[in-house]
Amino acid sequence: MSHQPVDVTVNISLSALFGRPPIIHLRDCDVTEPNIVDDENLTPEGVKDQSNETTSRICAFVAAIRLHVILEVCFIYLSAVSIDIDVI
């Protein structure tokens, strides 16, 4: 099944909010991270260079995806720790 990055980030955010394990894991996501380039620089011929004086608007979205990768690793670690505590 193909999951979009937005699906995964919403899933992880809601898991953090409600204290539940995520249903979708990033290892199940088979799409690549988007290019950091604005839509007006995308053409049928390819991608035009992003001017250096402006930061792409998608940069914040990519940063949020990367932060959710870290958050998911924290969930995995905390889940493993809670299972070990329950066994003791």
C-alpha atoms as a PDB file:
ATOM      1  CA  MET A   1       0.000   0.000   0.000  1.00  0.00           C
ATOM      2  CA  SER A   2       1.318   3.448  -0.859  1.00  0.00           C
ATOM      3  CA  HIS A   3       1.125   6.119   1.834  1.00  0.00           C
ATOM      4  CA  GLN A   4       1.736   9.801   1.230  1.00  0.00           C
ATOM      5  CA  PRO A   5       4.014  11.731   3.649  1.00  0.00           C
ATOM      6  CA  VAL A   6       1.008  13.764   4.839  1.00  0.00           C
ATOM      7  CA  ASP A   7      -0.823  10.575   5.862  1.00  0.00           C
ATOM      8  CA  VAL A   8       2.153   9.438   7.887  1.00  0.00           C
ATOM      9  CA  THR A   9       2.750  12.789   9.603  1.00  0.00           C
ATOM     10  CA  VAL A  10      -0.924  13.130  10.589  1.00  0.00           C
ATOM     11  CA  ASN A  11      -0.883   9.559  11.897  1.00  0.00           C
ATOM     12  CA  ILE A  12       2.237  10.198  14.011  1.00  0.00           C
ATOM     13  CA  SER A  13       0.936  13.552  15.288  1.00  0.00           C
ATOM     14  CA  LEU A  14      -2.376  12.026  16.371  1.00  0.00           C
ATOM     15  CA  SER A  15      -0.526   9.131  17.996  1.00  0.00           C
ATOM     16  CA  ALA A  16       1.516  11.601  20.030  1.00  0.00           C
ATOM     17  CA  LEU A  17      -1.591  13.589  20.958  1.00  0.00           C
ATOM     18  CA  PHE A  18      -3.581  10.579  22.160  1.00  0.00           C
ATOM     19  CA  GLY A  19      -0.655   8.530  23.511  1.00  0.00           C
ATOM     20  CA  ARG A  20      -1.331   5.608  21.184  1.00  0.00           C
ATOM     21  CA  PRO A  21       1.083   3.759  18.899  1.00  0.00           C
ATOM     22  CA  PRO A  22       1.057   4.839  15.248  1.00  0.00           C
ATOM     23  CA  ILE A  23      -0.877   2.696  12.793  1.00  0.00           C
ATOM     24  CA  ILE A  24       1.209   3.623   9.742  1.00  0.00           C
ATOM     25  CA  HIS A  25       4.988   3.360  10.025  1.00  0.00           C
ATOM     26  CA  LEU A  26       7.439   5.280   7.882  1.00  0.00           C
ATOM     27  CA  ARG A  27       9.035   2.008   6.822  1.00  0.00           C
ATOM     28  CA  ASP A  28       5.691   1.290   5.082  1.00  0.00           C
ATOM     29  CA  CYS A  29       5.917   4.554   3.107  1.00  0.00           C
ATOM     30  CA  ASP A  30       7.245   3.947  -0.389  1.00  0.00           C
ATOM     31  CA  VAL A  31       7.407   7.516  -1.702  1.00  0.00           C
ATOM     32  CA  THR A  32      10.485   9.677  -1.737  1.00  0.00           C
ATOM     33  CA  GLU A  33      10.895  12.981   0.012  1.00  0.00           C
ATOM     34  CA  PRO A  34       9.726  15.845  -2.237  1.00  0.00           C
ATOM     35  CA  ASN A  35      12.268  18.050  -3.986  1.00  0.00           C
ATOM     36  CA  ILE A  36      12.745  21.389  -2.279  1.00  0.00           C
ATOM     37  CA  VAL A  37      11.617  23.505  -5.214  1.00  0.00           C
ATOM     38  CA  ASP A  38       8.592  25.771  -5.709  1.00  0.00           C
ATOM     39  CA  ASP A  39       5.856  24.839  -8.176  1.00  0.00           C
ATOM     40  CA  GLU A  40       6.645  27.744 -10.487  1.00  0.00           C
ATOM     41  CA  ASN A  41      10.095  26.210 -11.051  1.00  0.00           C
ATOM     42  CA  LEU A  42       8.625  22.919 -12.284  1.00  0.00           C
ATOM     43  CA  THR A  43       8.251  22.679 -16.058  1.00  0.00           C
ATOM     44  CA  PRO A  44       7.428  19.847 -18.482  1.00  0.00           C
ATOM     45  CA  GLU A  45      11.100  19.930 -19.486  1.00  0.00           C
ATOM     46  CA  GLY A  46      12.324  19.505 -15.917  1.00  0.00           C
ATOM     47  CA  VAL A  47      13.134  21.485 -12.795  1.00  0.00           C
ATOM     48  CA  LYS A  48      14.496  25.032 -13.101  1.00  0.00           C
ATOM     49  CA  ASP A  49      17.024  26.201 -10.524  1.00  0.00           C
ATOM     50  CA  GLN A  50      15.602  27.670  -7.334  1.00  0.00           C
ATOM     51  CA  SER A  51      16.998  31.197  -6.887  1.00  0.00           C
ATOM     52  CA  ASN A  52      19.367  31.417  -3.942  1.00  0.00           C
ATOM     53  CA  GLU A  53      17.844  34.566  -2.422  1.00  0.00           C
ATOM     54  CA  THR A  54      14.488  32.876  -1.797  1.00  0.00           C
ATOM     55  CA  THR A  55      13.787  29.781   0.244  1.00  0.00           C
ATOM     56  CA  SER A  56      11.324  27.333  -1.197  1.00  0.00           C
ATOM     57  CA  ARG A  57       7.927  27.272   0.514  1.00  0.00           C
ATOM     58  CA  ILE A  58       8.040  23.470   0.621  1.00  0.00           C
ATOM     59  CA  CYS A  59      11.158  23.578   2.810  1.00  0.00           C
ATOM     60  CA  ALA A  60       9.020  23.759   5.984  1.00  0.00           C
ATOM     61  CA  PHE A  61       6.971  20.743   4.864  1.00  0.00           C
ATOM     62  CA  VAL A  62      10.115  18.681   4.266  1.00  0.00           C
ATOM     63  CA  ALA A  63      11.471  19.749   7.666  1.00  0.00           C
ATOM     64  CA  ALA A  64       8.190  18.625   9.294  1.00  0.00           C
ATOM     65  CA  ILE A  65       8.481  15.215   7.621  1.00  0.00           C
ATOM     66  CA  ARG A  66      12.052  14.861   8.907  1.00  0.00           C
ATOM     67  CA  LEU A  67      10.944  15.774  12.440  1.00  0.00           C
ATOM     68  CA  HIS A  68       8.195  13.152  12.266  1.00  0.00           C
ATOM     69  CA  VAL A  69      10.837  10.575  11.343  1.00  0.00           C
ATOM     70  CA  ILE A  70      12.555  11.386  14.639  1.00  0.00           C
ATOM     71  CA  LEU A  71       9.235  11.297  16.505  1.00  0.00           C
ATOM     72  CA  GLU A  72       8.444   7.846  15.108  1.00  0.00           C
ATOM     73  CA  VAL A  73      11.833   6.526  16.261  1.00  0.00           C
ATOM     74  CA  CYS A  74      11.037   7.874  19.741  1.00  0.00           C
ATOM     75  CA  PHE A  75       7.683   6.037  19.664  1.00  0.00           C
ATOM     76  CA  ILE A  76       9.379   2.799  18.664  1.00  0.00           C
ATOM     77  CA  TYR A  77      11.933   3.177  21.477  1.00  0.00           C
ATOM     78  CA  LEU A  78       9.300   4.072  24.076  1.00  0.00           C
ATOM     79  CA  SER A  79       7.106   1.170  22.989  1.00  0.00           C
ATOM     80  CA  ALA A  80      10.020  -1.237  23.412  1.00  0.00           C
ATOM     81  CA  VAL A  81      10.802   0.174  26.850  1.00  0.00           C
ATOM     82  CA  SER A  82       7.170  -0.070  27.996  1.00  0.00           C
ATOM     83  CA  ILE A  83       7.001  -3.698  26.838  1.00  0.00           C
ATOM     84  CA  ASP A  84      10.173  -4.476  28.817  1.00  0.00           C
ATOM     85  CA  ILE A  85       8.725  -2.810  31.920  1.00  0.00           C
ATOM     86  CA  ASP A  86       5.477  -4.750  31.576  1.00  0.00           C
ATOM     87  CA  VAL A  87       7.429  -8.013  31.451  1.00  0.00           C
ATOM     88  CA  ILE A  88       9.294  -7.257  34.678  1.00  0.00           C
END
